[in-house]
Protein backbone atom coordinates (compact mmCIF):
# COMPACT_ATOMS: atom_id res chain seq x y z
CA MET A 1 -15.31 21.03 26.10
CA ARG A 2 -14.81 17.66 24.38
CA SER A 3 -13.28 18.00 20.92
CA ARG A 4 -13.71 15.10 18.40
CA LEU A 5 -10.81 15.22 15.91
CA SER A 6 -9.88 13.06 13.04
CA LEU A 7 -6.82 12.95 10.80
CA ALA A 8 -7.86 16.15 9.16
CA VAL A 9 -5.06 18.11 7.50
CA VAL A 10 -2.01 15.92 8.33
CA ALA A 11 -3.34 12.45 8.71
CA ALA A 12 -3.47 12.45 12.52
CA VAL A 13 0.13 13.68 12.81
CA PHE A 14 -1.24 17.04 14.14
CA ALA A 15 -4.71 18.53 14.55
CA LEU A 16 -4.04 21.65 12.67
CA GLY A 17 -7.35 21.89 10.79
CA ALA A 18 -9.81 21.16 13.52
CA LEU A 19 -7.89 23.16 16.08
CA SER A 20 -7.87 26.13 13.78
CA VAL A 21 -11.64 26.03 13.57
CA TYR A 22 -12.04 26.01 17.31
CA TRP A 23 -9.56 28.83 17.71
CA TYR A 24 -11.36 30.75 15.00
CA TYR A 25 -14.73 30.54 16.61
CA ARG A 26 -13.36 31.19 20.19
CA GLU A 27 -11.77 34.39 18.96
CA GLY A 28 -15.26 35.63 18.02
CA GLU A 29 -14.85 35.64 14.28
CA PRO A 30 -18.13 35.59 12.33
CA SER A 31 -19.19 32.24 10.89
CA ARG A 32 -18.79 31.64 7.18
CA ALA A 33 -20.07 29.20 4.57
CA VAL A 34 -18.16 25.97 4.40
CA GLN A 35 -18.10 24.23 0.93
CA PRO A 36 -18.21 20.52 0.71
CA THR A 37 -14.73 19.27 -0.16
CA GLU A 38 -12.83 16.25 -1.41
CA GLU A 39 -9.14 17.25 -1.04
CA HIS A 40 -5.95 15.30 -1.58
CA ILE A 41 -3.04 16.13 0.80
CA LEU A 42 0.48 14.65 0.55
CA VAL A 43 2.04 14.20 4.01
CA LEU A 44 5.67 13.80 4.08
CA GLY A 45 7.74 12.73 7.14
CA LEU A 46 11.35 13.75 6.81
CA ASP A 47 14.47 11.86 7.79
CA GLU A 48 18.01 13.49 7.70
CA PHE A 49 21.09 11.15 7.33
CA GLU A 50 24.58 12.10 6.18
CA GLY A 51 23.44 15.56 5.12
CA GLN A 52 20.55 14.38 3.02
CA ARG A 53 16.90 15.08 3.79
CA ARG A 54 14.65 12.20 2.53
CA THR A 55 11.07 11.29 3.05
CA ASP A 56 10.94 8.52 5.50
CA THR A 57 7.12 8.42 5.44
CA ILE A 58 4.76 9.21 2.55
CA LEU A 59 1.03 9.39 3.00
CA LEU A 60 -1.64 10.50 0.58
CA VAL A 61 -4.66 11.73 2.56
CA ARG A 62 -8.14 12.14 0.97
CA VAL A 63 -10.62 14.23 2.86
CA GLU A 64 -14.26 13.45 2.23
CA GLU A 65 -17.59 14.36 3.75
CA ASP A 66 -17.67 11.74 6.33
CA GLU A 67 -14.33 9.90 6.07
CA VAL A 68 -10.59 10.55 6.00
CA LYS A 69 -8.67 7.99 3.84
CA VAL A 70 -4.96 7.46 4.13
CA LEU A 71 -2.97 5.65 1.50
CA SER A 72 0.52 4.63 2.60
CA ILE A 73 3.12 4.85 -0.19
CA PRO A 74 6.43 2.87 0.34
CA ARG A 75 9.46 5.19 0.47
CA ASP A 76 11.42 2.76 -1.81
CA LEU A 77 8.94 3.21 -4.66
CA ARG A 78 10.81 3.14 -8.03
CA VAL A 79 10.02 6.32 -9.98
CA LYS A 80 11.31 8.12 -13.08
CA TYR A 81 12.21 11.85 -13.24
CA GLU A 82 11.60 13.99 -16.31
CA ASP A 83 15.14 13.57 -17.43
CA GLY A 84 14.68 9.75 -17.60
CA SER A 85 16.72 8.83 -14.54
CA VAL A 86 15.39 6.27 -12.10
CA HIS A 87 15.20 6.97 -8.34
CA LYS A 88 13.49 5.95 -5.15
CA LEU A 89 10.56 8.23 -4.26
CA ASN A 90 12.04 9.09 -0.95
CA ALA A 91 14.83 10.93 -2.84
CA ALA A 92 12.37 13.31 -4.47
CA TYR A 93 12.21 15.76 -1.63
CA GLN A 94 15.96 16.21 -1.55
CA ASP A 95 16.04 16.62 -5.31
CA GLY A 96 13.02 18.89 -5.88
CA GLY A 97 11.21 19.53 -2.59
CA PRO A 98 7.60 18.74 -1.87
CA GLU A 99 6.58 19.93 -5.28
CA LEU A 100 8.49 17.11 -7.02
CA SER A 101 7.19 14.53 -4.53
CA ARG A 102 3.57 15.73 -5.18
CA ARG A 103 4.02 15.62 -9.01
CA LEU A 104 5.39 12.08 -8.95
CA VAL A 105 2.67 10.71 -6.70
CA SER A 106 0.04 12.59 -8.68
CA GLU A 107 1.25 11.18 -11.99
CA LEU A 108 1.54 7.68 -10.54
CA LEU A 109 -1.99 7.62 -9.15
CA GLY A 110 -3.71 9.90 -11.64
CA VAL A 111 -5.14 12.21 -8.90
CA GLU A 112 -4.73 15.94 -8.42
CA ILE A 113 -2.77 16.71 -5.19
CA PRO A 114 -2.96 20.54 -4.48
CA TRP A 115 -1.66 20.40 -0.92
CA HIS A 116 1.31 19.13 0.96
CA VAL A 117 2.47 18.96 4.64
CA VAL A 118 6.04 18.27 5.68
CA VAL A 119 6.77 17.12 9.14
CA ASP A 120 10.42 16.57 10.37
CA TYR A 121 11.55 14.68 13.51
CA ARG A 122 11.46 17.78 15.63
CA GLY A 123 8.05 18.69 14.65
CA PHE A 124 6.90 15.06 15.19
CA ILE A 125 8.25 14.90 18.77
CA THR A 126 6.84 18.35 19.61
CA LEU A 127 3.33 17.56 18.38
CA ILE A 128 3.17 14.18 20.25
CA ASP A 129 4.40 15.84 23.46
CA ALA A 130 1.89 18.63 22.96
CA ILE A 131 -1.04 16.25 23.21
CA GLY A 132 0.33 14.57 26.34
CA GLY A 133 1.81 11.52 24.63
CA LEU A 134 0.26 8.61 22.87
CA PRO A 135 -1.30 5.64 24.62
CA LEU A 136 -0.31 2.47 22.79
CA THR A 137 -0.07 -1.24 23.52
CA LEU A 138 2.97 -3.08 22.02
CA GLU A 139 2.42 -6.85 21.45
CA GLU A 140 6.20 -7.54 21.77
CA PRO A 141 9.29 -5.62 22.89
CA ILE A 142 11.23 -3.68 20.25
CA TYR A 143 14.95 -3.37 20.38
CA TYR A 144 17.16 -2.13 17.56
CA GLU A 145 20.60 -0.50 17.21
CA ASP A 146 22.03 1.41 14.26
CA THR A 147 25.54 2.68 15.04
CA LYS A 148 25.65 4.64 11.77
CA GLN A 149 22.79 6.80 12.77
CA ASP A 150 23.55 6.66 16.55
CA LEU A 151 20.12 5.20 16.97
CA VAL A 152 18.91 2.96 19.77
CA ILE A 153 15.26 1.87 20.01
CA ASP A 154 14.34 0.07 23.22
CA LEU A 155 10.54 -0.20 23.94
CA PRO A 156 9.06 -2.81 26.25
CA ALA A 157 5.90 -4.90 25.54
CA GLY A 158 2.56 -4.02 27.02
CA PRO A 159 0.39 -0.98 27.49
CA GLN A 160 2.20 2.41 27.85
CA VAL A 161 1.99 6.05 26.99
CA LEU A 162 4.73 6.98 24.46
CA THR A 163 6.49 10.30 24.79
CA GLY A 164 7.22 12.22 21.60
CA GLU A 165 10.77 10.69 21.38
CA GLN A 166 9.49 7.19 22.12
CA ALA A 167 6.59 7.62 19.56
CA LEU A 168 9.16 8.70 16.90
CA LEU A 169 11.35 5.61 17.63
CA TYR A 170 8.32 3.45 17.34
CA TRP A 171 7.35 5.13 14.03
CA ARG A 172 10.78 4.78 12.52
CA TYR A 173 11.44 1.16 13.64
CA ARG A 174 11.88 -1.33 10.73
CA GLY A 175 14.38 -3.88 12.17
CA GLU A 176 14.53 -7.05 10.09
CA GLU A 177 11.02 -6.53 8.69
CA SER A 178 10.11 -5.18 5.28
CA ASP A 179 8.98 -1.60 4.78
CA LEU A 180 5.45 -2.94 4.20
CA ALA A 181 5.45 -4.44 7.70
CA ARG A 182 6.50 -1.02 9.02
CA ILE A 183 3.78 0.63 7.10
CA ARG A 184 1.14 -1.65 8.63
CA ARG A 185 2.55 -0.80 12.10
CA GLN A 186 2.33 2.89 11.24
CA GLN A 187 -1.25 2.66 10.19
CA GLY A 188 -2.05 1.17 13.57
CA PHE A 189 -0.22 4.10 15.16
CA LEU A 190 -2.30 6.50 13.22
CA LYS A 191 -5.54 4.96 14.40
CA ALA A 192 -4.30 5.03 18.03
CA LEU A 193 -3.46 8.74 17.46
CA ALA A 194 -6.77 9.48 15.98
CA GLN A 195 -8.37 7.85 18.99
CA ARG A 196 -6.17 9.90 21.37
CA LEU A 197 -7.14 13.17 19.61
CA SER A 198 -10.86 12.33 19.93
CA GLU A 199 -10.49 12.01 23.68
CA LEU A 200 -8.64 15.39 24.29
CA GLU A 201 -10.44 17.89 26.50
CA LEU A 202 -9.10 21.20 25.46
CA GLY A 203 -9.66 24.65 26.80
CA PRO A 204 -9.14 27.95 24.87
CA SER A 205 -5.51 28.38 25.99
CA GLU A 206 -4.61 24.76 25.10
CA ILE A 207 -6.10 25.11 21.64
CA ARG A 208 -4.24 28.31 21.07
CA GLY A 209 -0.99 26.77 22.15
CA LEU A 210 -1.51 23.68 19.95
CA ILE A 211 -2.30 25.75 16.89
CA ARG A 212 0.96 27.78 17.34
CA THR A 213 2.92 24.52 17.88
CA ALA A 214 1.36 23.11 14.64
CA PHE A 215 2.28 26.02 12.55
CA GLU A 216 5.83 26.14 13.95
CA SER A 217 6.46 22.50 13.50
CA VAL A 218 5.50 21.83 9.91
CA GLN A 219 6.08 23.13 6.40
CA THR A 220 2.89 23.39 4.34
CA ASN A 221 1.35 25.27 1.40
CA LEU A 222 -1.98 25.33 3.40
CA SER A 223 -2.83 28.75 4.49
CA LEU A 224 -4.72 29.36 7.77
CA VAL A 225 -7.93 29.88 5.66
CA ASP A 226 -7.34 26.43 3.98
CA ALA A 227 -6.90 24.82 7.41
CA LEU A 228 -9.94 26.49 8.65
CA ARG A 229 -12.03 25.21 5.74
CA LEU A 230 -10.79 21.64 6.05
CA GLY A 231 -10.93 21.67 9.87
CA ASP A 232 -14.48 22.91 9.91
CA HIS A 233 -15.45 20.26 7.50
CA LEU A 234 -13.91 17.50 9.69
CA ARG A 235 -14.35 18.79 13.23
CA THR A 236 -17.33 16.50 13.95
CA LEU A 237 -15.47 13.32 12.79
CA GLY A 238 -14.24 10.71 15.24
CA PRO A 239 -11.50 8.03 15.00
CA GLU A 240 -13.84 5.64 13.25
CA ALA A 241 -13.86 7.89 10.21
CA LEU A 242 -10.20 7.00 9.51
CA LYS A 243 -9.71 4.38 6.65
CA THR A 244 -6.22 3.09 5.65
CA ALA A 245 -4.73 1.28 2.68
CA VAL A 246 -1.27 0.53 1.13
CA LEU A 247 -0.08 0.98 -2.41
CA PRO A 248 -0.02 -2.46 -4.05
CA GLY A 249 3.22 -3.82 -5.41
CA TYR A 250 6.21 -5.86 -4.49
CA ALA A 251 9.95 -5.51 -3.43
CA LYS A 252 12.71 -6.28 -5.89
CA VAL A 253 16.47 -5.97 -5.94
CA ILE A 254 17.57 -4.28 -9.21
CA ASP A 255 21.39 -3.72 -9.79
CA GLY A 256 22.05 -4.19 -6.13
CA THR A 257 19.40 -1.74 -4.99
CA SER A 258 16.16 -2.72 -3.31
CA TYR A 259 13.12 -1.14 -4.81
CA PHE A 260 9.40 -1.26 -4.44
CA LEU A 261 7.75 -1.85 -7.74
CA VAL A 262 4.24 -0.65 -8.12
CA GLU A 263 1.57 -3.05 -9.88
CA PRO A 264 0.03 -0.41 -12.19
CA VAL A 265 -3.26 -2.10 -12.86
CA GLU A 266 -3.77 -3.02 -9.27
CA ALA A 267 -2.87 0.52 -8.19
CA ALA A 268 -5.43 2.04 -10.54
CA ALA A 269 -8.04 -0.38 -9.21
CA LEU A 270 -7.16 0.66 -5.63
CA VAL A 271 -7.59 4.32 -6.45
CA GLU A 272 -11.02 3.62 -7.90
CA GLU A 273 -12.19 1.45 -5.02
CA PHE A 274 -10.56 3.12 -1.99
CA PHE A 275 -10.75 6.76 -2.94
CA TYR A 276 -13.81 6.84 -5.13
CA GLU A 277 -15.74 3.65 -3.98
CA ARG A 278 -16.24 2.45 -7.54
CA GLU A 279 -16.64 -1.42 -7.85
CA VAL A 280 -13.95 -2.93 -10.00
CA THR A 281 -12.55 -6.38 -10.32
CA THR A 282 -9.02 -6.50 -8.91
CA ASN A 283 -6.29 -9.15 -8.79
CA ARG A 284 -7.52 -10.09 -5.29
CA ASP A 285 -10.67 -11.36 -6.80
CA VAL A 286 -8.95 -13.83 -9.07
CA ARG A 287 -8.32 -17.42 -7.90
CA VAL A 288 -5.72 -19.38 -9.79
CA ILE A 289 -4.40 -23.01 -10.13
CA VAL A 290 -0.84 -23.03 -11.58
CA LEU A 291 0.39 -26.23 -13.36
CA ASN A 292 3.80 -26.88 -14.61
CA GLY A 293 3.71 -28.56 -18.01
CA HIS A 294 7.03 -27.28 -19.36
CA PRO A 295 8.89 -29.92 -21.56
CA ASP A 296 12.42 -28.47 -20.80
CA GLU A 297 13.76 -30.13 -17.87
CA VAL A 298 16.03 -27.27 -16.75
CA LYS A 299 13.50 -24.48 -17.27
CA ARG A 300 10.59 -26.31 -15.53
CA MET A 301 12.46 -26.66 -12.24
CA GLY A 302 10.31 -25.02 -9.54
CA LEU A 303 8.47 -23.13 -12.31
CA ALA A 304 4.96 -23.56 -10.91
CA ARG A 305 6.13 -22.28 -7.53
CA ARG A 306 7.97 -19.36 -8.90
CA VAL A 307 4.99 -18.30 -11.04
CA SER A 308 2.61 -18.75 -8.08
CA GLU A 309 4.89 -16.51 -5.89
CA HIS A 310 4.97 -13.94 -8.67
CA LEU A 311 1.13 -13.94 -8.96
CA GLU A 312 0.65 -13.90 -5.24
CA ALA A 313 2.93 -10.80 -5.02
CA GLN A 314 0.53 -9.15 -7.50
CA GLY A 315 -2.40 -9.93 -5.23
CA PHE A 316 -3.88 -13.07 -7.01
CA GLN A 317 -5.13 -15.84 -4.86
CA ILE A 318 -3.32 -19.12 -5.40
CA VAL A 319 -5.58 -22.08 -4.88
CA ALA A 320 -2.88 -24.64 -5.76
CA TYR A 321 0.33 -25.22 -7.81
CA TRP A 322 1.48 -28.62 -9.05
CA ASN A 323 2.69 -30.48 -12.18
CA ALA A 324 0.29 -30.93 -15.08
CA ASP A 325 -0.70 -34.51 -16.00
CA ALA A 326 2.32 -34.50 -18.36
CA LEU A 327 5.41 -32.36 -18.89
CA ASP A 328 4.96 -32.18 -22.71
CA TYR A 329 2.95 -29.00 -23.42
CA PRO A 330 4.51 -27.10 -26.33
CA ASN A 331 2.19 -24.08 -25.61
CA SER A 332 0.88 -22.46 -22.48
CA TYR A 333 -2.83 -22.34 -21.75
CA LEU A 334 -5.10 -20.27 -19.51
CA ILE A 335 -8.30 -22.29 -18.96
CA ASN A 336 -11.05 -19.86 -18.16
CA VAL A 337 -12.93 -21.88 -15.52
CA SER A 338 -15.26 -19.02 -14.29
CA GLY A 339 -15.83 -17.57 -17.80
CA SER A 340 -14.84 -14.09 -16.71
CA GLU A 341 -12.94 -12.38 -19.50
CA GLU A 342 -11.83 -9.54 -17.17
CA LYS A 343 -10.28 -11.99 -14.71
CA ALA A 344 -8.49 -13.99 -17.53
CA GLN A 345 -7.06 -10.79 -18.96
CA ARG A 346 -5.66 -9.71 -15.60
CA LEU A 347 -3.62 -12.81 -15.47
CA VAL A 348 -2.45 -12.31 -19.01
CA ALA A 349 -1.49 -8.81 -18.30
CA SER A 350 0.44 -9.84 -15.18
CA LEU A 351 2.44 -12.52 -16.84
CA LYS A 352 3.01 -10.81 -20.13
CA ALA A 353 3.41 -14.27 -21.73
CA PRO A 354 1.89 -15.96 -24.75
CA LEU A 355 -1.10 -17.64 -23.17
CA LYS A 356 -3.84 -19.33 -25.15
CA VAL A 357 -7.03 -18.39 -23.28
CA VAL A 358 -9.62 -21.10 -23.77
CA PRO A 359 -12.89 -22.32 -21.98
CA PRO A 360 -12.76 -25.81 -20.33
CA GLU A 361 -14.50 -27.65 -23.19
CA ALA A 362 -12.20 -26.24 -25.80
CA PHE A 363 -9.13 -27.30 -23.82
CA SER A 364 -10.66 -30.79 -23.45
CA GLN A 365 -11.19 -30.99 -27.22
CA GLU A 366 -7.75 -29.66 -28.11
CA THR A 367 -5.97 -32.11 -25.88
CA GLN A 368 -8.16 -35.00 -27.11
CA ALA A 369 -7.01 -34.16 -30.57
CA ALA A 370 -3.33 -33.47 -29.74
CA PHE A 371 -2.66 -36.18 -27.13
CA GLY A 372 -5.43 -38.64 -27.69
CA GLU A 373 -7.06 -38.02 -24.30
CA ASP A 374 -9.06 -35.40 -22.42
CA ARG A 375 -6.28 -33.87 -20.19
CA LEU A 376 -8.61 -31.68 -18.19
CA ALA A 377 -10.41 -34.67 -16.67
CA LYS A 378 -7.10 -36.22 -15.74
CA ILE A 379 -5.86 -32.94 -14.19
CA ALA A 380 -9.11 -32.66 -12.16
CA GLN A 381 -8.68 -36.22 -10.94
CA ILE A 382 -5.03 -35.67 -9.85
CA LEU A 383 -5.72 -32.40 -8.14
CA ALA A 384 -8.72 -33.80 -6.20
CA ASN A 385 -6.69 -36.77 -4.87
CA THR A 386 -3.42 -35.14 -4.10
CA ALA A 387 -2.31 -32.97 -1.17
CA VAL A 388 -1.08 -30.04 -3.35
CA PRO A 389 0.61 -26.89 -2.04
CA PRO A 390 0.19 -24.24 -0.76
CA GLN A 391 -2.66 -25.65 1.42
CA GLU A 392 -1.56 -29.28 1.19
CA ARG A 393 -4.89 -30.59 0.27
CA GLY A 394 -6.94 -31.89 -2.67
CA VAL A 395 -8.67 -29.13 -4.63
CA GLU A 396 -11.48 -29.02 -7.18
CA LEU A 397 -11.16 -27.13 -10.46
CA THR A 398 -14.27 -25.10 -9.55
CA GLU A 399 -12.37 -23.51 -6.59
CA ALA A 400 -10.42 -21.48 -9.17
CA ASP A 401 -11.39 -18.92 -11.77
CA ALA A 402 -8.62 -20.04 -14.04
CA VAL A 403 -6.14 -22.94 -14.43
CA LEU A 404 -2.79 -21.80 -15.91
CA ILE A 405 -0.65 -24.46 -17.69
CA LEU A 406 2.99 -23.41 -18.27
CA GLY A 407 4.18 -24.87 -21.63
CA GLY A 408 7.34 -24.69 -23.77
CA ASP A 409 6.62 -21.16 -24.95
CA PHE A 410 6.72 -19.81 -21.44
CA ASP A 411 9.99 -18.12 -20.55
CA PRO A 412 10.82 -18.27 -16.88
CA ASP A 413 13.42 -15.57 -17.21
CA ALA A 414 10.73 -13.13 -18.19
CA LEU A 415 9.59 -13.18 -14.53
CA LEU A 416 12.96 -11.57 -13.50
CA ALA A 417 12.74 -8.82 -16.07
CA ILE A 418 12.70 -5.19 -14.79
CA PRO A 419 9.31 -3.50 -15.52
CA GLU A 420 9.73 -0.55 -17.80
CA LEU A 421 8.73 2.73 -16.19
CA PRO A 422 6.46 5.07 -18.28
């Protein structure tokens, strides 16, 4: 028998749902009606260090008719508890179990999350070993030591079959990279695991053994009936059904602690696009030219670059950044080149600055009246004939949706402000 499994109940960490279905039918139980389902399941991977149990991995899984979607949520996400205190999301399990973790993620994304699955290190190792290891190709060797955790990771480059212990080390590895880089590597791991599960050839005894292993190795509020229903719904899906995404945001050090700050507008758009496949304009669709026109010599130092980095971290496309024709603008402008009000408002919302949004012709008229010349024409000429960063080439105004000119009313320190949590 060839079983085609997807991420099902625990996002490819284990095949609980689909295996349950096969066991169910092989035990001779009568068939039953399966209702179409779109379920959200929070998958938590536990880490234990210095007596504290925190979630090292946080995945939100959405089960659909012909796809399984997995959203990776950075463990350093800055969240607020009901008492007003601020924490990292990975502390929620220690403070309030999976229920608190579910509530925080549900409130953040605006989706109902009825189910949770918690996998600790022991369970992870057991489940990977139970499927005979994980074939994976490493592009480069991985070596890392952490004396505090008595942890050594030493994996060679090239194709190999990882044991449960080796797979866990690969899953945990962060090294000098950011948590987002680790998340991207974990998503590749999940796809490899989904492929492995799709290739398994399982007999009745193997299925029965795996299902026992699954129930012994995880904590979940899914009953066997829940697992049967989800598994039956997903039992025909292959690894191509797995889709992955990462919660949008950026890393920031606040009072000496490194947090991941979510970009609320972009996160809401991701939920609409990724989970519900509703077309919306996102920051990724907005192309920007940033020009420094600040009259204050101290405040304008590197301002266009800093604002560009801020916008890029929010997902905007930076076409170019440079100085405006002159550094004498008392006010900041957002020249709406494309004419899209939605794109312009996304920039205004991201910068939270007093921007005067104008069409190109209005900007030309205003600068003609204020400075005695059409500044837009001069800006276009300079940009077209200068190798401007980040691409070090000349650019046309029409390559951007908007041109941002930073004037005297733009406060550079506002970029360093800590976003207020709801």
